[in-house]
């Protein structure tokens, strides 16, 4: 028996209007699925459309974005048909997003407790002050913050990068979301702290059987942490494979990305330069449509 995907994107297209008034495509025909409890990595260069794809599922695109898709579904629900209020109800409860850098994602003039209270109150507005405080401290303790009471009263600038990232994880996962989009959650952290943050994320996913979309530039990390990998180039998917098979990927773009991560032992004298083929910009489906008209 085939199970229904937790999330499904079918032919997603996102465009922005340029200075001359014409629409420029940023995401072009992306289709992918995410199963319950699965970790799906999305890799590619900056500007390839990774973050826009994740934000489209949560309804967090900027107002200037022009979105079209055959389908955006979460647990069988048609996200394109939901009202703005229904989408907001899903975000923070059923779906969540961990952003890239706590220095820019957390409000610098609000304490951790104030920010978490603001987020939690959206979905539990009648919670009393004492109960809310307990909920905040418990959420911080759940991501292995040693002194949750003290951290709750701290401002973002008083936290390390790893601590700030744990705070953001605590805000997003305390409600047990079924879908989590993590956009470069370890890019601003050193190797040791990044490993600790990933361990917290791993524990959370296992506890709630959460489906994870993990957006990253770090191919070795994605290979070790994810189940499947989607490779994006210039707004479209060029290859999808099991994470364990990424080293044997076939598309020349994926091979070029892998070559740009030289080994620590016996590194090459010169770092390879990725030669981009204009043919990669053409979606085979668009080519087929053109041939049929």
C-alpha atoms as a PDB file:
ATOM      1  CA  UNK A   1       0.000   0.000   0.000  1.00  0.00           C
ATOM      2  CA  UNK A   2       1.451   3.373  -1.070  1.00  0.00           C
ATOM      3  CA  UNK A   3       1.229   6.092   1.570  1.00  0.00           C
ATOM      4  CA  UNK A   4       0.240   9.659   0.766  1.00  0.00           C
ATOM      5  CA  UNK A   5       3.188  12.089   0.885  1.00  0.00           C
ATOM      6  CA  UNK A   6       3.280  14.491   3.812  1.00  0.00           C
ATOM      7  CA  UNK A   7       4.024  17.388   1.448  1.00  0.00           C
ATOM      8  CA  UNK A   8       3.840  17.651  -2.313  1.00  0.00           C
ATOM      9  CA  UNK A   9       4.941  20.338  -4.762  1.00  0.00           C
ATOM     10  CA  UNK A  10       3.907  20.014  -8.401  1.00  0.00           C
ATOM     11  CA  UNK A  11       5.281  22.349 -11.088  1.00  0.00           C
ATOM     12  CA  UNK A  12       6.013  25.267  -8.751  1.00  0.00           C
ATOM     13  CA  UNK A  13       6.919  28.514 -10.513  1.00  0.00           C
ATOM     14  CA  UNK A  14       7.889  31.751  -8.735  1.00  0.00           C
ATOM     15  CA  UNK A  15       8.698  34.972 -10.568  1.00  0.00           C
ATOM     16  CA  UNK A  16       9.560  38.572  -9.667  1.00  0.00           C
ATOM     17  CA  UNK A  17       8.896  41.670 -11.740  1.00  0.00           C
ATOM     18  CA  UNK A  18      12.012  43.464 -12.922  1.00  0.00           C
ATOM     19  CA  UNK A  19      12.635  47.189 -13.382  1.00  0.00           C
ATOM     20  CA  UNK A  20      11.435  46.956 -16.987  1.00  0.00           C
ATOM     21  CA  UNK A  21       8.134  45.412 -15.904  1.00  0.00           C
ATOM     22  CA  UNK A  22       8.815  41.914 -17.181  1.00  0.00           C
ATOM     23  CA  UNK A  23       8.622  38.850 -14.937  1.00  0.00           C
ATOM     24  CA  UNK A  24      11.877  37.016 -14.236  1.00  0.00           C
ATOM     25  CA  UNK A  25      11.566  33.376 -13.174  1.00  0.00           C
ATOM     26  CA  UNK A  26      13.335  32.436  -9.926  1.00  0.00           C
ATOM     27  CA  UNK A  27      11.791  28.959  -9.527  1.00  0.00           C
ATOM     28  CA  UNK A  28      10.880  27.116 -12.708  1.00  0.00           C
ATOM     29  CA  UNK A  29       8.751  23.997 -12.606  1.00  0.00           C
ATOM     30  CA  UNK A  30       9.947  22.441  -9.347  1.00  0.00           C
ATOM     31  CA  UNK A  31       8.222  19.208  -8.340  1.00  0.00           C
ATOM     32  CA  UNK A  32       9.067  17.167  -5.252  1.00  0.00           C
ATOM     33  CA  UNK A  33       7.509  15.116  -2.469  1.00  0.00           C
ATOM     34  CA  UNK A  34       8.325  14.686   1.213  1.00  0.00           C
ATOM     35  CA  UNK A  35       7.233  11.659   3.225  1.00  0.00           C
ATOM     36  CA  UNK A  36       6.424  11.530   6.917  1.00  0.00           C
ATOM     37  CA  UNK A  37       9.615  11.266   8.973  1.00  0.00           C
ATOM     38  CA  UNK A  38      11.817  11.751   5.894  1.00  0.00           C
ATOM     39  CA  UNK A  39      14.784  14.119   5.666  1.00  0.00           C
ATOM     40  CA  UNK A  40      14.940  15.701   2.244  1.00  0.00           C
ATOM     41  CA  UNK A  41      18.028  17.768   1.451  1.00  0.00           C
ATOM     42  CA  UNK A  42      17.915  20.552  -1.138  1.00  0.00           C
ATOM     43  CA  UNK A  43      21.317  21.670  -2.422  1.00  0.00           C
ATOM     44  CA  UNK A  44      22.540  24.086  -5.053  1.00  0.00           C
ATOM     45  CA  UNK A  45      24.286  27.406  -5.483  1.00  0.00           C
ATOM     46  CA  UNK A  46      23.017  30.652  -3.974  1.00  0.00           C
ATOM     47  CA  UNK A  47      20.119  31.893  -6.089  1.00  0.00           C
ATOM     48  CA  UNK A  48      19.103  28.441  -7.282  1.00  0.00           C
ATOM     49  CA  UNK A  49      15.665  28.732  -5.656  1.00  0.00           C
ATOM     50  CA  UNK A  50      16.154  26.488  -2.611  1.00  0.00           C
ATOM     51  CA  UNK A  51      14.830  28.886   0.027  1.00  0.00           C
ATOM     52  CA  UNK A  52      11.979  30.131  -2.160  1.00  0.00           C
ATOM     53  CA  UNK A  53      10.810  26.563  -2.642  1.00  0.00           C
ATOM     54  CA  UNK A  54      10.740  25.937   1.108  1.00  0.00           C
ATOM     55  CA  UNK A  55       9.044  29.261   1.835  1.00  0.00           C
ATOM     56  CA  UNK A  56       6.358  28.584  -0.768  1.00  0.00           C
ATOM     57  CA  UNK A  57       5.120  25.595   1.218  1.00  0.00           C
ATOM     58  CA  UNK A  58       4.722  27.702   4.357  1.00  0.00           C
ATOM     59  CA  UNK A  59       3.227  30.702   2.557  1.00  0.00           C
ATOM     60  CA  UNK A  60       6.169  32.914   3.538  1.00  0.00           C
ATOM     61  CA  UNK A  61       7.054  34.363   0.142  1.00  0.00           C
ATOM     62  CA  UNK A  62       7.521  38.147  -0.120  1.00  0.00           C
ATOM     63  CA  UNK A  63       4.519  40.116  -1.436  1.00  0.00           C
ATOM     64  CA  UNK A  64       6.325  40.817  -4.724  1.00  0.00           C
ATOM     65  CA  UNK A  65       6.519  37.124  -5.586  1.00  0.00           C
ATOM     66  CA  UNK A  66       4.257  35.762  -8.325  1.00  0.00           C
ATOM     67  CA  UNK A  67       3.485  32.117  -7.555  1.00  0.00           C
ATOM     68  CA  UNK A  68       1.928  29.486  -9.819  1.00  0.00           C
ATOM     69  CA  UNK A  69       1.731  25.740  -9.234  1.00  0.00           C
ATOM     70  CA  UNK A  70      -0.319  22.749 -10.256  1.00  0.00           C
ATOM     71  CA  UNK A  71      -0.422  21.758  -6.591  1.00  0.00           C
ATOM     72  CA  UNK A  72       0.965  22.622  -3.161  1.00  0.00           C
ATOM     73  CA  UNK A  73      -0.280  20.057  -0.665  1.00  0.00           C
ATOM     74  CA  UNK A  74       0.299  19.337   3.005  1.00  0.00           C
ATOM     75  CA  UNK A  75      -1.131  16.126   4.428  1.00  0.00           C
ATOM     76  CA  UNK A  76      -3.595  16.002   1.540  1.00  0.00           C
ATOM     77  CA  UNK A  77      -4.818  19.594   2.056  1.00  0.00           C
ATOM     78  CA  UNK A  78      -4.660  21.958  -0.916  1.00  0.00           C
ATOM     79  CA  UNK A  79      -2.558  24.855   0.393  1.00  0.00           C
ATOM     80  CA  UNK A  80      -3.401  27.022  -2.616  1.00  0.00           C
ATOM     81  CA  UNK A  81      -7.102  26.837  -1.745  1.00  0.00           C
ATOM     82  CA  UNK A  82      -6.702  27.674   1.957  1.00  0.00           C
ATOM     83  CA  UNK A  83      -7.454  31.146   3.272  1.00  0.00           C
ATOM     84  CA  UNK A  84      -4.653  33.284   4.714  1.00  0.00           C
ATOM     85  CA  UNK A  85      -6.028  32.636   8.217  1.00  0.00           C
ATOM     86  CA  UNK A  86      -5.952  28.854   7.730  1.00  0.00           C
ATOM     87  CA  UNK A  87      -2.381  29.036   6.410  1.00  0.00           C
ATOM     88  CA  UNK A  88      -1.301  31.020   9.494  1.00  0.00           C
ATOM     89  CA  UNK A  89      -2.890  28.396  11.737  1.00  0.00           C
ATOM     90  CA  UNK A  90      -0.823  25.697  10.065  1.00  0.00           C
ATOM     91  CA  UNK A  91       2.420  27.661  10.464  1.00  0.00           C
ATOM     92  CA  UNK A  92       3.867  27.252  13.930  1.00  0.00           C
ATOM     93  CA  UNK A  93       1.660  24.270  14.765  1.00  0.00           C
ATOM     94  CA  UNK A  94       1.765  21.834  11.851  1.00  0.00           C
ATOM     95  CA  UNK A  95       4.594  23.496   9.902  1.00  0.00           C
ATOM     96  CA  UNK A  96       7.642  25.482  10.996  1.00  0.00           C
ATOM     97  CA  UNK A  97      10.792  27.072   9.582  1.00  0.00           C
ATOM     98  CA  UNK A  98      14.236  27.471  11.122  1.00  0.00           C
ATOM     99  CA  UNK A  99      16.040  30.406   9.550  1.00  0.00           C
ATOM    100  CA  UNK A 100      19.697  30.786   8.753  1.00  0.00           C
ATOM    101  CA  UNK A 101      21.304  33.089  11.298  1.00  0.00           C
ATOM    102  CA  UNK A 102      19.964  33.967  14.772  1.00  0.00           C
ATOM    103  CA  UNK A 103      21.773  37.325  14.631  1.00  0.00           C
ATOM    104  CA  UNK A 104      19.338  38.443  11.930  1.00  0.00           C
ATOM    105  CA  UNK A 105      16.311  36.273  12.745  1.00  0.00           C
ATOM    106  CA  UNK A 106      15.866  37.146  16.431  1.00  0.00           C
ATOM    107  CA  UNK A 107      14.657  40.599  17.485  1.00  0.00           C
ATOM    108  CA  UNK A 108      17.637  42.359  19.153  1.00  0.00           C
ATOM    109  CA  UNK A 109      15.495  44.508  21.481  1.00  0.00           C
ATOM    110  CA  UNK A 110      13.351  41.694  22.900  1.00  0.00           C
ATOM    111  CA  UNK A 111      14.399  39.034  25.380  1.00  0.00           C
ATOM    112  CA  UNK A 112      14.197  35.384  24.412  1.00  0.00           C
ATOM    113  CA  UNK A 113      11.162  34.927  26.660  1.00  0.00           C
ATOM    114  CA  UNK A 114       9.359  37.891  25.083  1.00  0.00           C
ATOM    115  CA  UNK A 115       9.912  36.524  21.580  1.00  0.00           C
ATOM    116  CA  UNK A 116       8.915  32.991  22.491  1.00  0.00           C
ATOM    117  CA  UNK A 117       5.855  34.265  24.353  1.00  0.00           C
ATOM    118  CA  UNK A 118       4.812  36.202  21.264  1.00  0.00           C
ATOM    119  CA  UNK A 119       5.160  33.095  19.091  1.00  0.00           C
ATOM    120  CA  UNK A 120       3.435  30.718  21.522  1.00  0.00           C
ATOM    121  CA  UNK A 121       0.558  33.139  22.217  1.00  0.00           C
ATOM    122  CA  UNK A 122      -0.492  33.029  18.566  1.00  0.00           C
ATOM    123  CA  UNK A 123      -1.671  29.454  19.075  1.00  0.00           C
ATOM    124  CA  UNK A 124      -2.514  29.511  22.798  1.00  0.00           C
ATOM    125  CA  UNK A 125      -3.762  33.050  23.484  1.00  0.00           C
ATOM    126  CA  UNK A 126      -5.452  32.191  26.792  1.00  0.00           C
ATOM    127  CA  UNK A 127      -2.338  30.785  28.472  1.00  0.00           C
ATOM    128  CA  UNK A 128      -1.592  32.443  31.827  1.00  0.00           C
ATOM    129  CA  UNK A 129       1.723  34.165  32.571  1.00  0.00           C
ATOM    130  CA  UNK A 130       3.032  31.462  34.921  1.00  0.00           C
ATOM    131  CA  UNK A 131       1.998  28.643  32.597  1.00  0.00           C
ATOM    132  CA  UNK A 132       3.530  30.461  29.627  1.00  0.00           C
ATOM    133  CA  UNK A 133       6.790  30.958  31.537  1.00  0.00           C
ATOM    134  CA  UNK A 134       6.912  27.242  32.331  1.00  0.00           C
ATOM    135  CA  UNK A 135       6.244  26.414  28.690  1.00  0.00           C
ATOM    136  CA  UNK A 136       9.084  28.677  27.539  1.00  0.00           C
ATOM    137  CA  UNK A 137      11.578  27.248  30.042  1.00  0.00           C
ATOM    138  CA  UNK A 138      10.547  23.673  29.178  1.00  0.00           C
ATOM    139  CA  UNK A 139      10.988  24.382  25.460  1.00  0.00           C
ATOM    140  CA  UNK A 140      14.503  25.739  26.048  1.00  0.00           C
ATOM    141  CA  UNK A 141      15.400  22.785  28.261  1.00  0.00           C
ATOM    142  CA  UNK A 142      14.145  20.394  25.557  1.00  0.00           C
ATOM    143  CA  UNK A 143      16.888  21.614  23.187  1.00  0.00           C
ATOM    144  CA  UNK A 144      19.528  21.011  25.887  1.00  0.00           C
ATOM    145  CA  UNK A 145      20.099  24.609  26.996  1.00  0.00           C
ATOM    146  CA  UNK A 146      21.798  24.293  30.372  1.00  0.00           C
ATOM    147  CA  UNK A 147      20.324  27.286  32.179  1.00  0.00           C
ATOM    148  CA  UNK A 148      16.944  27.822  30.496  1.00  0.00           C
ATOM    149  CA  UNK A 149      15.715  30.303  33.124  1.00  0.00           C
ATOM    150  CA  UNK A 150      18.724  32.555  32.564  1.00  0.00           C
ATOM    151  CA  UNK A 151      18.638  32.226  28.779  1.00  0.00           C
ATOM    152  CA  UNK A 152      14.924  33.078  28.754  1.00  0.00           C
ATOM    153  CA  UNK A 153      15.733  36.498  30.228  1.00  0.00           C
ATOM    154  CA  UNK A 154      18.698  37.150  27.935  1.00  0.00           C
ATOM    155  CA  UNK A 155      18.798  39.318  24.824  1.00  0.00           C
ATOM    156  CA  UNK A 156      20.010  37.801  21.507  1.00  0.00           C
ATOM    157  CA  UNK A 157      23.362  39.638  21.643  1.00  0.00           C
ATOM    158  CA  UNK A 158      24.091  37.891  24.952  1.00  0.00           C
ATOM    159  CA  UNK A 159      23.879  34.459  23.314  1.00  0.00           C
ATOM    160  CA  UNK A 160      26.427  32.552  21.274  1.00  0.00           C
ATOM    161  CA  UNK A 161      25.546  31.541  17.718  1.00  0.00           C
ATOM    162  CA  UNK A 162      24.825  27.972  18.743  1.00  0.00           C
ATOM    163  CA  UNK A 163      22.672  29.087  21.663  1.00  0.00           C
ATOM    164  CA  UNK A 164      20.701  31.453  19.435  1.00  0.00           C
ATOM    165  CA  UNK A 165      20.124  28.666  16.923  1.00  0.00           C
ATOM    166  CA  UNK A 166      18.829  26.399  19.695  1.00  0.00           C
ATOM    167  CA  UNK A 167      16.434  29.148  20.759  1.00  0.00           C
ATOM    168  CA  UNK A 168      15.049  29.304  17.222  1.00  0.00           C
ATOM    169  CA  UNK A 169      14.716  25.516  17.123  1.00  0.00           C
ATOM    170  CA  UNK A 170      12.890  25.615  20.471  1.00  0.00           C
ATOM    171  CA  UNK A 171      10.452  28.202  19.115  1.00  0.00           C
ATOM    172  CA  UNK A 172       9.699  26.127  16.030  1.00  0.00           C
ATOM    173  CA  UNK A 173       9.534  22.582  17.401  1.00  0.00           C
ATOM    174  CA  UNK A 174       7.866  23.037  20.796  1.00  0.00           C
ATOM    175  CA  UNK A 175       4.470  22.388  19.221  1.00  0.00           C
ATOM    176  CA  UNK A 176       5.664  19.224  17.502  1.00  0.00           C
ATOM    177  CA  UNK A 177       5.362  20.349  13.853  1.00  0.00           C
ATOM    178  CA  UNK A 178       4.823  17.624  11.290  1.00  0.00           C
ATOM    179  CA  UNK A 179       6.792  19.534   8.637  1.00  0.00           C
ATOM    180  CA  UNK A 180       9.959  21.519   9.326  1.00  0.00           C
ATOM    181  CA  UNK A 181      11.954  23.582   6.826  1.00  0.00           C
ATOM    182  CA  UNK A 182      15.522  24.215   8.014  1.00  0.00           C
ATOM    183  CA  UNK A 183      17.224  26.860   5.868  1.00  0.00           C
ATOM    184  CA  UNK A 184      20.995  26.649   6.364  1.00  0.00           C
ATOM    185  CA  UNK A 185      20.584  26.082  10.125  1.00  0.00           C
ATOM    186  CA  UNK A 186      24.306  25.470  10.730  1.00  0.00           C
ATOM    187  CA  UNK A 187      25.973  27.809   8.228  1.00  0.00           C
ATOM    188  CA  UNK A 188      26.954  30.417  10.858  1.00  0.00           C
ATOM    189  CA  UNK A 189      28.283  27.865  13.355  1.00  0.00           C
ATOM    190  CA  UNK A 190      31.640  26.175  13.845  1.00  0.00           C
ATOM    191  CA  UNK A 191      31.905  22.422  13.282  1.00  0.00           C
ATOM    192  CA  UNK A 192      31.512  21.371  16.926  1.00  0.00           C
ATOM    193  CA  UNK A 193      28.518  23.610  17.653  1.00  0.00           C
ATOM    194  CA  UNK A 194      26.927  22.670  14.327  1.00  0.00           C
ATOM    195  CA  UNK A 195      27.145  18.999  15.308  1.00  0.00           C
ATOM    196  CA  UNK A 196      25.422  19.749  18.623  1.00  0.00           C
ATOM    197  CA  UNK A 197      22.636  21.674  16.891  1.00  0.00           C
ATOM    198  CA  UNK A 198      22.126  18.854  14.385  1.00  0.00           C
ATOM    199  CA  UNK A 199      21.911  16.366  17.248  1.00  0.00           C
ATOM    200  CA  UNK A 200      19.122  18.467  18.792  1.00  0.00           C
ATOM    201  CA  UNK A 201      17.357  18.642  15.428  1.00  0.00           C
ATOM    202  CA  UNK A 202      17.796  14.899  14.946  1.00  0.00           C
ATOM    203  CA  UNK A 203      16.279  14.182  18.343  1.00  0.00           C
ATOM    204  CA  UNK A 204      13.308  16.435  17.625  1.00  0.00           C
ATOM    205  CA  UNK A 205      12.606  14.812  14.259  1.00  0.00           C
ATOM    206  CA  UNK A 206      12.684  11.338  15.784  1.00  0.00           C
ATOM    207  CA  UNK A 207      10.434  12.370  18.683  1.00  0.00           C
ATOM    208  CA  UNK A 208       7.671  13.861  16.520  1.00  0.00           C
ATOM    209  CA  UNK A 209       8.255  11.831  13.313  1.00  0.00           C
ATOM    210  CA  UNK A 210       8.654  15.164  11.553  1.00  0.00           C
ATOM    211  CA  UNK A 211       9.260  15.486   7.832  1.00  0.00           C
ATOM    212  CA  UNK A 212      12.307  17.719   7.265  1.00  0.00           C
ATOM    213  CA  UNK A 213      13.331  19.836   4.289  1.00  0.00           C
ATOM    214  CA  UNK A 214      17.002  20.621   4.920  1.00  0.00           C
ATOM    215  CA  UNK A 215      18.374  23.430   2.730  1.00  0.00           C
ATOM    216  CA  UNK A 216      22.159  23.620   2.586  1.00  0.00           C
ATOM    217  CA  UNK A 217      25.295  24.300   0.540  1.00  0.00           C
ATOM    218  CA  UNK A 218      27.182  21.647   2.499  1.00  0.00           C
ATOM    219  CA  UNK A 219      27.040  18.488   0.376  1.00  0.00           C
ATOM    220  CA  UNK A 220      28.965  16.233   2.807  1.00  0.00           C
ATOM    221  CA  UNK A 221      26.623  17.297   5.618  1.00  0.00           C
ATOM    222  CA  UNK A 222      23.537  16.587   3.506  1.00  0.00           C
ATOM    223  CA  UNK A 223      24.892  13.173   2.521  1.00  0.00           C
ATOM    224  CA  UNK A 224      25.352  12.205   6.178  1.00  0.00           C
ATOM    225  CA  UNK A 225      22.172  13.775   7.593  1.00  0.00           C
ATOM    226  CA  UNK A 226      19.473  13.350   4.929  1.00  0.00           C
ATOM    227  CA  UNK A 227      17.662  10.433   3.278  1.00  0.00           C
ATOM    228  CA  UNK A 228      17.200  11.933  -0.176  1.00  0.00           C
ATOM    229  CA  UNK A 229      18.750  14.887  -1.998  1.00  0.00           C
ATOM    230  CA  UNK A 230      17.254  17.272  -4.544  1.00  0.00           C
ATOM    231  CA  UNK A 231      19.817  19.233  -6.591  1.00  0.00           C
ATOM    232  CA  UNK A 232      18.661  22.616  -7.916  1.00  0.00           C
ATOM    233  CA  UNK A 233      20.207  24.777 -10.605  1.00  0.00           C
ATOM    234  CA  UNK A 234      18.821  28.130 -11.804  1.00  0.00           C
ATOM    235  CA  UNK A 235      15.404  27.558 -10.300  1.00  0.00           C
ATOM    236  CA  UNK A 236      14.765  23.966 -11.324  1.00  0.00           C
ATOM    237  CA  UNK A 237      15.523  20.439 -10.181  1.00  0.00           C
ATOM    238  CA  UNK A 238      18.262  18.788 -12.225  1.00  0.00           C
ATOM    239  CA  UNK A 239      18.692  15.605 -10.184  1.00  0.00           C
ATOM    240  CA  UNK A 240      17.143  13.662  -7.305  1.00  0.00           C
ATOM    241  CA  UNK A 241      18.802  10.692  -5.621  1.00  0.00           C
ATOM    242  CA  UNK A 242      19.271   8.876  -2.339  1.00  0.00           C
ATOM    243  CA  UNK A 243      21.708  10.774  -0.107  1.00  0.00           C
ATOM    244  CA  UNK A 244      23.998   7.742   0.092  1.00  0.00           C
ATOM    245  CA  UNK A 245      24.237   7.753  -3.727  1.00  0.00           C
ATOM    246  CA  UNK A 246      25.100  11.443  -4.124  1.00  0.00           C
ATOM    247  CA  UNK A 247      28.787  10.688  -4.700  1.00  0.00           C
ATOM    248  CA  UNK A 248      27.701   8.685  -7.754  1.00  0.00           C
ATOM    249  CA  UNK A 249      25.387  11.388  -9.143  1.00  0.00           C
ATOM    250  CA  UNK A 250      25.190  11.567 -12.927  1.00  0.00           C
ATOM    251  CA  UNK A 251      24.279  15.145 -13.791  1.00  0.00           C
ATOM    252  CA  UNK A 252      27.365  17.240 -14.701  1.00  0.00           C
ATOM    253  CA  UNK A 253      26.159  20.095 -12.466  1.00  0.00           C
ATOM    254  CA  UNK A 254      26.010  17.786  -9.429  1.00  0.00           C
ATOM    255  CA  UNK A 255      29.406  16.375 -10.367  1.00  0.00           C
ATOM    256  CA  UNK A 256      30.726  19.951 -10.502  1.00  0.00           C
ATOM    257  CA  UNK A 257      29.364  20.754  -7.041  1.00  0.00           C
ATOM    258  CA  UNK A 258      30.993  17.628  -5.640  1.00  0.00           C
ATOM    259  CA  UNK A 259      34.307  18.505  -7.280  1.00  0.00           C
ATOM    260  CA  UNK A 260      34.177  21.939  -5.587  1.00  0.00           C
ATOM    261  CA  UNK A 261      34.471  20.151  -2.199  1.00  0.00           C
ATOM    262  CA  UNK A 262      38.091  18.949  -2.295  1.00  0.00           C
ATOM    263  CA  UNK A 263      39.238  16.251   0.149  1.00  0.00           C
ATOM    264  CA  UNK A 264      41.323  17.265   3.160  1.00  0.00           C
ATOM    265  CA  UNK A 265      43.870  14.590   2.308  1.00  0.00           C
ATOM    266  CA  UNK A 266      45.738  14.933  -0.986  1.00  0.00           C
ATOM    267  CA  UNK A 267      43.774  17.994  -2.208  1.00  0.00           C
ATOM    268  CA  UNK A 268      44.182  18.967  -5.890  1.00  0.00           C
ATOM    269  CA  UNK A 269      46.659  21.676  -6.858  1.00  0.00           C
ATOM    270  CA  UNK A 270      43.837  23.755  -8.354  1.00  0.00           C
ATOM    271  CA  UNK A 271      40.192  23.882  -7.326  1.00  0.00           C
ATOM    272  CA  UNK A 272      37.978  22.846 -10.257  1.00  0.00           C
ATOM    273  CA  UNK A 273      35.786  25.553 -11.776  1.00  0.00           C
ATOM    274  CA  UNK A 274      32.219  24.598 -12.627  1.00  0.00           C
ATOM    275  CA  UNK A 275      31.550  25.037 -16.355  1.00  0.00           C
ATOM    276  CA  UNK A 276      27.840  25.724 -16.741  1.00  0.00           C
ATOM    277  CA  UNK A 277      26.071  24.439 -19.841  1.00  0.00           C
ATOM    278  CA  UNK A 278      23.220  26.664 -21.182  1.00  0.00           C
ATOM    279  CA  UNK A 279      21.311  23.466 -21.896  1.00  0.00           C
ATOM    280  CA  UNK A 280      20.870  22.960 -18.132  1.00  0.00           C
ATOM    281  CA  UNK A 281      18.590  26.004 -18.112  1.00  0.00           C
ATOM    282  CA  UNK A 282      16.015  24.261 -20.288  1.00  0.00           C
ATOM    283  CA  UNK A 283      13.477  22.084 -18.537  1.00  0.00           C
ATOM    284  CA  UNK A 284      12.879  18.904 -20.605  1.00  0.00           C
ATOM    285  CA  UNK A 285       9.137  19.321 -19.970  1.00  0.00           C
ATOM    286  CA  UNK A 286       9.219  22.808 -21.506  1.00  0.00           C
ATOM    287  CA  UNK A 287      11.110  21.400 -24.484  1.00  0.00           C
ATOM    288  CA  UNK A 288       8.474  18.693 -24.879  1.00  0.00           C
ATOM    289  CA  UNK A 289       5.643  21.257 -24.675  1.00  0.00           C
ATOM    290  CA  UNK A 290       7.300  23.344 -27.363  1.00  0.00           C
ATOM    291  CA  UNK A 291       7.668  20.336 -29.643  1.00  0.00           C
ATOM    292  CA  UNK A 292       4.008  19.426 -29.263  1.00  0.00           C
ATOM    293  CA  UNK A 293       2.715  22.883 -30.239  1.00  0.00           C
END
